């Protein structure tokens, strides 16, 4: 038995039945990292020695009955924009290359309360800006399904580590598809929760009104289990919403009879790869077989979502990244003679090309004379996007779209063409604009064996619905 092939719920059951110890599980993953990391390049910082020591302590405490948590001793990987006390949190940027976080993000506190074991911090596009994990200052992560291709982004390290069995599950963050698109490219499950369901405290901000932390897992049940751990109101995050505590695993009823699934036709038009479309059509047929009601409809606002997203995201990035000035913390240039040079050179040397591009774009749309024409207009369109979705959810329980218009592309083919890279987000950004939950699950492979992802979008706080719909498909197709 290869321990690293197992899902978390299988590992949990084996721990419960004393078939495995935390040390057995952690050692298996540490060995796997040792074998695979040199090819996949998913980690920025590994914590393998610390993980083995922690596993030993958990086993001792479990034997004495001091620890009873079901997930105690289960390893996890963490995207490197989530603050972890005493550990480097770099956001894959030279700007934060040596930053050791003095505190834990709220999600890390929750993971520590469960006595889970962090195996390390995972690679990403710098400051979460990108769709391929090629914009990391440290390394380019590769897709374990084909090492010549990208794993997607910006949570590419998280998705690649799960797909390569280097971690059983991982945390990512999603601003415009950064959990779902890499999950699609790597053939794993990625869930972006409703905005406000999971605390953003301790997540290094890219675009504060869009960012959301979520799970990347091997199957839907694991996504529900990890969401149970990280969801919940947090007083330290003013955008965190008070909702009733749910057990998302109870939503996995494996029954979609009578459920209404809407298919927005704009997401199946021009630019969607034929093989992707074909697999999605087969998935739609499967839902019909399972008793769901399927209907095609028009989501008029879809065409404007990408432009709206990039205006809002860049404006907020420009504002959020203003704090990295070479004075308070982060990278400071040695090459300056006055304050202006200190600011300019620290930022010029500390940020990569894609981050600079977005800061410049964001500063432009917020500047005097352009604010009304761009930023204000984008916020008005955002309201229209939300209203369009409200209209759709008055009629349908779930919306079904491709996660990405294509499968994973080869490394280097789009990194010099920002516009083409931005188009990789076309199916996912509207979910963030409207603050909705979305999940990407694998729905087959193309003729070259590369994974294809299907996205299911739910109404606000309807994670239980999309998890159940995803689970039903997963169980029916295995």
Protein backbone atom coordinates (compact mmCIF):
# COMPACT_ATOMS: atom_id res chain seq x y z
CA UNK A 1 0.00 0.00 0.00
CA UNK A 2 1.33 3.43 -0.99
CA UNK A 3 0.23 5.67 1.89
CA UNK A 4 0.57 8.80 -0.27
CA UNK A 5 -2.08 7.51 -2.71
CA UNK A 6 -4.75 7.56 0.01
CA UNK A 7 -7.29 10.34 0.53
CA UNK A 8 -7.41 12.16 3.86
CA UNK A 9 -10.63 10.41 4.93
CA UNK A 10 -8.91 7.06 4.29
CA UNK A 11 -5.84 8.19 6.28
CA UNK A 12 -8.12 9.41 9.10
CA UNK A 13 -9.88 6.02 9.28
CA UNK A 14 -6.56 4.14 9.34
CA UNK A 15 -5.34 6.36 12.18
CA UNK A 16 -8.59 5.74 14.06
CA UNK A 17 -8.27 1.94 13.62
CA UNK A 18 -4.57 2.02 14.62
CA UNK A 19 -3.55 0.67 11.20
CA UNK A 20 -1.22 3.64 10.75
CA UNK A 21 0.48 6.16 13.03
CA UNK A 22 1.08 9.88 12.39
CA UNK A 23 4.78 9.00 12.03
CA UNK A 24 4.05 6.36 9.34
CA UNK A 25 1.98 8.84 7.35
CA UNK A 26 4.36 11.78 7.74
CA UNK A 27 7.42 9.68 6.85
CA UNK A 28 5.69 8.45 3.67
CA UNK A 29 5.07 12.04 2.57
CA UNK A 30 8.56 13.22 3.57
CA UNK A 31 10.04 10.37 1.47
CA UNK A 32 7.75 11.29 -1.43
CA UNK A 33 8.91 14.92 -1.26
CA UNK A 34 12.50 13.65 -1.31
CA UNK A 35 11.83 11.66 -4.50
CA UNK A 36 9.56 14.09 -6.38
CA UNK A 37 10.32 17.70 -5.40
CA UNK A 38 13.40 17.95 -7.65
CA UNK A 39 11.15 17.41 -10.70
CA UNK A 40 7.95 19.21 -9.66
CA UNK A 41 9.47 22.14 -7.68
CA UNK A 42 6.31 22.74 -5.64
CA UNK A 43 7.84 23.92 -2.33
CA UNK A 44 9.51 27.20 -1.41
CA UNK A 45 10.21 26.07 2.19
CA UNK A 46 10.05 22.45 3.39
CA UNK A 47 9.49 21.61 7.06
CA UNK A 48 10.22 17.88 6.82
CA UNK A 49 12.42 17.51 9.96
CA UNK A 50 9.97 19.54 12.04
CA UNK A 51 7.07 17.49 10.63
CA UNK A 52 8.65 14.15 11.64
CA UNK A 53 9.31 15.46 15.16
CA UNK A 54 5.74 16.76 15.46
CA UNK A 55 4.33 13.41 14.25
CA UNK A 56 6.32 11.57 16.93
CA UNK A 57 4.93 13.87 19.65
CA UNK A 58 1.36 13.44 18.34
CA UNK A 59 1.69 9.64 18.42
CA UNK A 60 2.90 9.78 22.04
CA UNK A 61 0.05 12.09 23.07
CA UNK A 62 -2.52 10.03 21.21
CA UNK A 63 -1.39 6.88 23.06
CA UNK A 64 -1.86 8.67 26.38
CA UNK A 65 -5.29 9.95 25.29
CA UNK A 66 -4.14 13.59 25.41
CA UNK A 67 -5.09 14.16 21.74
CA UNK A 68 -8.40 12.90 20.36
CA UNK A 69 -8.82 15.08 17.23
CA UNK A 70 -9.65 12.94 14.21
CA UNK A 71 -7.28 14.88 11.94
CA UNK A 72 -4.35 14.95 14.39
CA UNK A 73 -1.23 13.78 12.58
CA UNK A 74 -2.56 14.44 9.05
CA UNK A 75 0.01 16.39 6.99
CA UNK A 76 -0.90 19.49 4.94
CA UNK A 77 0.80 21.95 2.55
CA UNK A 78 0.30 25.73 2.84
CA UNK A 79 0.43 28.30 0.04
CA UNK A 80 3.23 30.75 0.76
CA UNK A 81 1.00 33.83 1.10
CA UNK A 82 -0.62 32.50 4.31
CA UNK A 83 1.24 33.74 7.40
CA UNK A 84 2.77 30.96 9.48
CA UNK A 85 4.38 31.89 12.78
CA UNK A 86 8.15 31.40 12.87
CA UNK A 87 8.26 30.27 9.22
CA UNK A 88 9.24 32.21 6.09
CA UNK A 89 6.21 33.67 4.31
CA UNK A 90 7.59 34.96 1.01
CA UNK A 91 4.62 35.32 -1.39
CA UNK A 92 7.21 33.94 -3.90
CA UNK A 93 8.73 37.43 -4.05
CA UNK A 94 12.20 38.88 -3.58
CA UNK A 95 10.39 41.60 -1.62
CA UNK A 96 9.60 39.13 1.20
CA UNK A 97 12.41 36.62 0.63
CA UNK A 98 13.55 36.70 4.27
CA UNK A 99 10.29 37.65 6.00
CA UNK A 100 9.55 35.38 8.98
CA UNK A 101 5.94 35.83 10.06
CA UNK A 102 5.56 36.80 13.74
CA UNK A 103 2.00 35.44 13.87
CA UNK A 104 -0.31 32.75 12.46
CA UNK A 105 -3.13 33.43 10.02
CA UNK A 106 -6.53 32.44 11.45
CA UNK A 107 -6.67 29.40 9.15
CA UNK A 108 -3.26 28.30 10.51
CA UNK A 109 -4.57 28.64 14.08
CA UNK A 110 -7.48 26.35 13.13
CA UNK A 111 -5.16 23.82 11.50
CA UNK A 112 -2.88 23.86 14.56
CA UNK A 113 -5.89 23.32 16.85
CA UNK A 114 -6.57 20.11 14.90
CA UNK A 115 -2.88 19.10 15.37
CA UNK A 116 -2.33 18.80 11.63
CA UNK A 117 1.29 18.74 10.46
CA UNK A 118 2.58 21.36 8.01
CA UNK A 119 5.02 19.90 5.49
CA UNK A 120 5.99 23.35 4.25
CA UNK A 121 5.13 26.45 2.23
CA UNK A 122 4.16 26.00 -1.41
CA UNK A 123 5.22 27.92 -4.50
CA UNK A 124 2.93 30.40 -6.24
CA UNK A 125 2.92 33.31 -8.68
CA UNK A 126 4.48 36.33 -6.98
CA UNK A 127 1.92 37.98 -4.67
CA UNK A 128 -0.67 35.60 -6.23
CA UNK A 129 -0.58 37.48 -9.55
CA UNK A 130 -0.56 35.00 -12.41
CA UNK A 131 -2.17 31.91 -13.89
CA UNK A 132 0.81 29.58 -14.33
CA UNK A 133 3.21 29.80 -11.33
CA UNK A 134 5.88 31.01 -13.77
CA UNK A 135 5.98 34.42 -12.05
CA UNK A 136 7.60 33.11 -8.85
CA UNK A 137 10.91 34.73 -7.88
CA UNK A 138 12.26 31.35 -6.69
CA UNK A 139 11.38 28.66 -9.24
CA UNK A 140 8.90 27.50 -11.87
CA UNK A 141 6.64 24.73 -10.59
CA UNK A 142 5.85 21.96 -13.07
CA UNK A 143 2.65 20.02 -13.62
CA UNK A 144 3.13 16.44 -12.32
CA UNK A 145 0.84 15.15 -15.14
CA UNK A 146 3.37 16.43 -17.70
CA UNK A 147 6.51 18.18 -16.47
CA UNK A 148 6.74 20.32 -19.63
CA UNK A 149 3.45 22.03 -18.76
CA UNK A 150 2.44 24.61 -16.16
CA UNK A 151 0.43 23.60 -13.06
CA UNK A 152 -1.77 26.71 -13.36
CA UNK A 153 -1.73 29.56 -10.91
CA UNK A 154 -1.44 31.29 -8.69
CA UNK A 155 -1.86 28.30 -6.32
CA UNK A 156 0.18 26.09 -8.69
CA UNK A 157 2.49 24.79 -5.97
CA UNK A 158 -0.51 23.69 -3.87
CA UNK A 159 -2.26 21.89 -6.77
CA UNK A 160 0.97 20.29 -8.03
CA UNK A 161 1.93 19.06 -4.54
CA UNK A 162 -1.49 17.38 -4.11
CA UNK A 163 -1.44 15.90 -7.63
CA UNK A 164 2.11 14.55 -7.11
CA UNK A 165 1.12 13.01 -3.72
CA UNK A 166 3.66 15.17 -1.87
CA UNK A 167 0.87 16.37 0.44
CA UNK A 168 -2.55 14.75 1.00
CA UNK A 169 -4.23 18.18 0.74
CA UNK A 170 -3.27 21.85 0.73
CA UNK A 171 -4.54 25.38 1.29
CA UNK A 172 -4.58 27.82 -1.62
CA UNK A 173 -6.01 31.28 -2.19
CA UNK A 174 -8.34 32.35 -4.98
CA UNK A 175 -8.66 35.95 -6.25
CA UNK A 176 -9.88 35.24 -9.78
CA UNK A 177 -9.62 31.46 -10.12
CA UNK A 178 -6.29 30.78 -8.41
CA UNK A 179 -7.56 27.63 -6.63
CA UNK A 180 -9.91 26.32 -9.32
CA UNK A 181 -7.75 26.78 -12.43
CA UNK A 182 -4.64 24.98 -11.07
CA UNK A 183 -6.93 22.24 -9.66
CA UNK A 184 -8.30 21.84 -13.20
CA UNK A 185 -4.81 21.75 -14.80
CA UNK A 186 -3.48 19.20 -12.27
CA UNK A 187 -6.57 16.97 -12.11
CA UNK A 188 -7.50 17.56 -8.46
CA UNK A 189 -10.42 19.19 -6.58
CA UNK A 190 -10.29 22.93 -5.77
CA UNK A 191 -12.94 24.81 -3.79
CA UNK A 192 -13.27 28.60 -3.62
CA UNK A 193 -15.66 29.37 -0.73
CA UNK A 194 -18.16 32.25 -0.57
CA UNK A 195 -16.44 35.56 0.18
CA UNK A 196 -16.50 36.01 3.96
CA UNK A 197 -16.95 32.33 4.89
CA UNK A 198 -13.25 31.76 5.60
CA UNK A 199 -11.18 34.37 7.46
CA UNK A 200 -8.63 36.30 5.39
CA UNK A 201 -6.73 37.43 8.51
CA UNK A 202 -3.08 36.57 7.86
CA UNK A 203 -3.51 36.11 4.11
CA UNK A 204 -1.13 38.58 2.42
CA UNK A 205 -3.54 40.76 0.45
CA UNK A 206 -3.58 40.96 -3.35
CA UNK A 207 -7.14 42.28 -3.95
CA UNK A 208 -8.97 42.45 -0.63
CA UNK A 209 -12.54 42.38 -1.99
CA UNK A 210 -11.82 39.28 -4.10
CA UNK A 211 -9.28 37.11 -2.16
CA UNK A 212 -10.47 33.92 -0.48
CA UNK A 213 -8.63 30.97 1.11
CA UNK A 214 -9.83 27.48 0.21
CA UNK A 215 -8.90 23.77 0.01
CA UNK A 216 -7.18 21.81 -2.77
CA UNK A 217 -7.76 18.08 -2.28
CA UNK A 218 -7.78 14.66 -3.95
CA UNK A 219 -11.54 14.23 -3.77
CA UNK A 220 -14.75 16.06 -2.87
CA UNK A 221 -15.14 14.50 0.59
CA UNK A 222 -11.70 15.80 1.59
CA UNK A 223 -12.69 19.30 0.38
CA UNK A 224 -15.76 19.16 2.65
CA UNK A 225 -13.64 17.98 5.61
CA UNK A 226 -11.06 20.78 5.20
CA UNK A 227 -13.79 23.38 4.71
CA UNK A 228 -15.26 22.25 8.06
CA UNK A 229 -11.91 23.08 9.68
CA UNK A 230 -11.28 26.52 8.14
CA UNK A 231 -14.81 28.01 7.79
CA UNK A 232 -16.27 30.28 10.45
CA UNK A 233 -16.58 33.86 11.64
CA UNK A 234 -13.43 35.68 12.77
CA UNK A 235 -13.50 38.97 14.68
CA UNK A 236 -10.04 39.82 13.32
CA UNK A 237 -11.43 39.96 9.76
CA UNK A 238 -14.08 42.67 9.24
CA UNK A 239 -15.28 41.00 6.02
CA UNK A 240 -15.86 37.68 7.82
CA UNK A 241 -19.57 36.84 8.01
CA UNK A 242 -21.47 35.27 10.92
CA UNK A 243 -23.27 32.18 9.61
CA UNK A 244 -24.50 29.02 11.24
CA UNK A 245 -21.82 26.33 11.59
CA UNK A 246 -22.37 23.56 9.05
CA UNK A 247 -20.94 20.07 8.73
CA UNK A 248 -20.24 20.03 5.00
CA UNK A 249 -19.62 16.27 4.94
CA UNK A 250 -23.33 15.80 5.73
CA UNK A 251 -24.15 17.57 2.45
CA UNK A 252 -22.61 14.71 0.43
CA UNK A 253 -25.91 12.91 -0.19
CA UNK A 254 -24.99 11.61 -3.66
CA UNK A 255 -28.42 12.56 -4.96
CA UNK A 256 -29.14 15.24 -7.57
CA UNK A 257 -32.65 14.14 -8.64
CA UNK A 258 -34.80 17.18 -9.49
CA UNK A 259 -31.91 19.61 -8.99
CA UNK A 260 -31.83 22.39 -11.59
CA UNK A 261 -28.46 22.93 -13.29
CA UNK A 262 -28.08 25.99 -15.51
CA UNK A 263 -25.58 25.97 -18.39
CA UNK A 264 -24.53 29.55 -19.32
CA UNK A 265 -24.00 29.34 -23.09
CA UNK A 266 -21.44 32.18 -23.10
CA UNK A 267 -18.97 29.85 -21.35
CA UNK A 268 -19.17 27.28 -24.17
CA UNK A 269 -18.57 29.65 -27.08
CA UNK A 270 -15.52 30.94 -28.88
CA UNK A 271 -12.12 30.26 -27.28
CA UNK A 272 -13.14 27.06 -25.49
CA UNK A 273 -11.04 24.10 -26.64
CA UNK A 274 -13.10 21.45 -28.48
CA UNK A 275 -11.92 18.55 -26.28
CA UNK A 276 -12.74 20.56 -23.14
CA UNK A 277 -16.23 21.26 -24.53
CA UNK A 278 -16.71 17.57 -25.40
CA UNK A 279 -15.85 16.36 -21.88
CA UNK A 280 -18.15 18.97 -20.34
CA UNK A 281 -20.99 17.83 -22.62
CA UNK A 282 -20.41 14.23 -21.47
CA UNK A 283 -20.55 15.43 -17.83
CA UNK A 284 -23.85 17.23 -18.56
CA UNK A 285 -25.24 13.97 -20.01
CA UNK A 286 -24.14 12.14 -16.85
CA UNK A 287 -26.08 14.64 -14.71
CA UNK A 288 -29.16 14.04 -16.87
CA UNK A 289 -28.77 10.30 -16.22
CA UNK A 290 -28.55 11.04 -12.48
CA UNK A 291 -31.90 12.85 -12.63
CA UNK A 292 -30.86 16.50 -12.65
CA UNK A 293 -32.78 18.99 -14.77
CA UNK A 294 -30.49 20.71 -17.27
CA UNK A 295 -31.23 23.97 -19.05
CA UNK A 296 -29.13 26.26 -21.21
CA UNK A 297 -29.51 29.99 -20.58
CA UNK A 298 -27.74 33.28 -21.25
CA UNK A 299 -25.59 34.99 -18.60
CA UNK A 300 -25.37 38.32 -20.42
CA UNK A 301 -22.74 39.92 -18.25
CA UNK A 302 -20.10 37.18 -18.76
CA UNK A 303 -18.42 39.15 -21.59
CA UNK A 304 -17.60 42.08 -19.26
CA UNK A 305 -16.40 40.07 -16.26
CA UNK A 306 -12.73 39.76 -17.26
CA UNK A 307 -12.20 43.49 -17.88
CA UNK A 308 -14.09 44.35 -14.68
CA UNK A 309 -11.98 41.88 -12.68
CA UNK A 310 -8.63 43.19 -13.92
CA UNK A 311 -9.53 46.83 -13.23
CA UNK A 312 -10.69 46.09 -9.65
CA UNK A 313 -7.92 43.57 -8.89
CA UNK A 314 -5.12 45.84 -10.15
CA UNK A 315 -6.54 48.89 -8.34
CA UNK A 316 -6.66 46.98 -5.04
CA UNK A 317 -3.20 45.46 -5.65
CA UNK A 318 -1.75 48.93 -6.24
CA UNK A 319 -3.20 50.07 -2.92
CA UNK A 320 -2.29 46.90 -0.94
CA UNK A 321 1.30 46.73 -2.19
CA UNK A 322 1.98 50.35 -1.27
CA UNK A 323 3.14 49.12 2.15
CA UNK A 324 6.27 47.51 0.64
CA UNK A 325 8.41 50.63 0.58
CA UNK A 326 11.85 49.46 1.73
CA UNK A 327 11.35 50.98 5.18
CA UNK A 328 8.94 49.03 7.36
CA UNK A 329 9.75 45.45 6.39
CA UNK A 330 10.66 43.44 3.33
CA UNK A 331 13.45 44.07 0.83
CA UNK A 332 15.47 47.29 1.08
CA UNK A 333 17.84 48.40 -1.66
CA UNK A 334 21.47 49.20 -0.79
CA UNK A 335 21.57 51.62 -3.71
CA UNK A 336 20.11 55.00 -2.61
CA UNK A 337 21.18 58.50 -1.63
CA UNK A 338 17.78 59.97 -0.65
CA UNK A 339 14.28 58.88 0.42
CA UNK A 340 12.80 58.94 -3.08
CA UNK A 341 15.57 56.67 -4.40
CA UNK A 342 15.08 54.32 -1.43
CA UNK A 343 11.38 53.90 -2.31
CA UNK A 344 11.94 53.66 -6.04
CA UNK A 345 14.91 51.28 -6.02
CA UNK A 346 13.52 49.00 -3.29
CA UNK A 347 10.30 48.54 -5.23
CA UNK A 348 12.01 48.29 -8.64
CA UNK A 349 14.42 45.61 -7.40
CA UNK A 350 12.00 43.84 -5.04
CA UNK A 351 8.99 43.28 -7.33
CA UNK A 352 8.89 41.11 -10.47
CA UNK A 353 7.61 42.20 -13.89
CA UNK A 354 4.01 40.97 -13.52
CA UNK A 355 3.55 42.62 -10.11
CA UNK A 356 4.93 45.91 -11.47
CA UNK A 357 2.60 45.67 -14.46
CA UNK A 358 -0.44 45.31 -12.21
CA UNK A 359 0.66 48.07 -9.82
CA UNK A 360 1.07 50.45 -12.79
CA UNK A 361 -2.33 49.46 -14.22
CA UNK A 362 -3.96 49.83 -10.81
CA UNK A 363 -2.38 53.21 -10.11
CA UNK A 364 -3.53 54.42 -13.53
CA UNK A 365 -7.19 53.43 -13.04
CA UNK A 366 -7.23 55.08 -9.59
CA UNK A 367 -5.56 58.29 -10.74
CA UNK A 368 -7.30 61.65 -11.03
CA UNK A 369 -9.24 61.92 -14.27
CA UNK A 370 -9.40 58.15 -14.80
CA UNK A 371 -11.02 57.00 -11.53
CA UNK A 372 -14.59 57.60 -12.79
CA UNK A 373 -13.90 56.25 -16.26
CA UNK A 374 -12.36 52.96 -15.09
CA UNK A 375 -12.53 52.08 -11.39
CA UNK A 376 -15.97 53.54 -10.65
CA UNK A 377 -17.36 52.05 -13.89
CA UNK A 378 -15.90 48.63 -13.00
CA UNK A 379 -17.57 48.75 -9.58
CA UNK A 380 -20.90 49.56 -11.26
CA UNK A 381 -20.47 46.63 -13.65
CA UNK A 382 -19.60 44.47 -10.63
CA UNK A 383 -23.06 45.21 -9.23
CA UNK A 384 -24.60 44.19 -12.56
CA UNK A 385 -22.62 40.93 -12.53
CA UNK A 386 -23.93 40.15 -9.06
CA UNK A 387 -27.51 40.95 -10.14
CA UNK A 388 -27.19 38.66 -13.19
CA UNK A 389 -26.11 35.80 -10.92
CA UNK A 390 -28.96 36.57 -8.48
CA UNK A 391 -31.36 36.28 -11.42
CA UNK A 392 -29.80 32.95 -12.46
CA UNK A 393 -29.99 31.52 -8.92
CA UNK A 394 -33.67 32.45 -8.66
CA UNK A 395 -34.13 29.76 -11.32
CA UNK A 396 -31.22 27.29 -10.92
CA UNK A 397 -29.58 25.52 -7.98
CA UNK A 398 -26.14 25.29 -9.60
CA UNK A 399 -24.41 26.66 -12.71
CA UNK A 400 -22.05 24.43 -14.69
CA UNK A 401 -19.13 25.75 -16.81
CA UNK A 402 -15.61 24.73 -17.84
CA UNK A 403 -13.03 25.73 -15.21
CA UNK A 404 -10.54 26.76 -17.89
CA UNK A 405 -10.97 27.18 -21.64
CA UNK A 406 -7.94 24.90 -22.23
CA UNK A 407 -5.88 22.19 -20.57
CA UNK A 408 -2.47 23.03 -19.07
CA UNK A 409 -0.23 24.78 -21.60
CA UNK A 410 3.52 24.36 -22.03
CA UNK A 411 5.89 26.34 -19.81
CA UNK A 412 7.02 29.55 -21.53
CA UNK A 413 4.27 29.68 -24.16
CA UNK A 414 2.19 32.46 -22.55
CA UNK A 415 4.41 34.09 -19.93
CA UNK A 416 5.56 36.78 -22.40
CA UNK A 417 2.01 37.54 -23.53
CA UNK A 418 0.11 38.95 -20.52
CA UNK A 419 -3.17 39.34 -22.41
CA UNK A 420 -3.22 35.67 -23.40
CA UNK A 421 -2.35 34.70 -19.80
CA UNK A 422 -5.22 36.85 -18.48
CA UNK A 423 -7.66 35.05 -20.80
CA UNK A 424 -6.90 31.82 -18.88
CA UNK A 425 -9.11 33.28 -16.10
CA UNK A 426 -12.13 33.93 -18.30
CA UNK A 427 -14.31 31.16 -16.80
CA UNK A 428 -13.46 31.83 -13.14
CA UNK A 429 -13.24 35.59 -12.44
CA UNK A 430 -16.99 36.33 -12.40
CA UNK A 431 -17.37 34.03 -9.36
CA UNK A 432 -14.98 36.25 -7.37
CA UNK A 433 -16.57 39.47 -8.62
CA UNK A 434 -19.93 38.28 -7.26
CA UNK A 435 -18.41 36.69 -4.10
CA UNK A 436 -19.91 33.26 -4.91
CA UNK A 437 -18.63 29.77 -4.10
CA UNK A 438 -17.21 27.63 -6.93
CA UNK A 439 -15.63 24.19 -7.13
CA UNK A 440 -13.51 22.62 -9.86
CA UNK A 441 -13.54 18.83 -10.19
CA UNK A 442 -11.84 16.62 -12.79
CA UNK A 443 -14.15 15.43 -15.58
CA UNK A 444 -11.76 13.45 -17.76
CA UNK A 445 -8.64 14.06 -19.85
CA UNK A 446 -7.88 15.20 -23.38
CA UNK A 447 -6.30 13.02 -26.10
CA UNK A 448 -2.83 13.66 -24.59
CA UNK A 449 -3.95 12.58 -21.12
CA UNK A 450 -4.06 16.09 -19.63
CA UNK A 451 -6.80 16.76 -17.02
CA UNK A 452 -9.93 18.76 -17.81
CA UNK A 453 -11.83 20.54 -15.03
CA UNK A 454 -15.54 21.20 -14.61
CA UNK A 455 -16.65 24.21 -12.54
CA UNK A 456 -19.83 24.19 -10.46
CA UNK A 457 -20.98 27.59 -9.15
CA UNK A 458 -23.43 27.99 -6.26
CA UNK A 459 -25.38 30.81 -4.67
CA UNK A 460 -23.93 32.64 -1.66
CA UNK A 461 -23.17 30.19 1.20
CA UNK A 462 -24.49 27.23 -0.88
CA UNK A 463 -21.23 25.28 -0.50
CA UNK A 464 -23.27 22.27 0.65
CA UNK A 465 -25.16 22.27 -2.69
CA UNK A 466 -22.10 22.46 -4.96
CA UNK A 467 -20.24 19.90 -2.84
CA UNK A 468 -23.16 17.46 -3.18
CA UNK A 469 -23.45 18.02 -6.96
CA UNK A 470 -19.68 17.53 -7.34
CA UNK A 471 -19.76 14.43 -5.13
CA UNK A 472 -22.61 12.86 -7.13
CA UNK A 473 -20.62 13.21 -10.36
CA UNK A 474 -17.44 11.94 -8.73
CA UNK A 475 -19.19 8.86 -7.32
CA UNK A 476 -20.92 8.13 -10.65
CA UNK A 477 -17.72 8.35 -12.69
CA UNK A 478 -14.91 7.52 -10.23
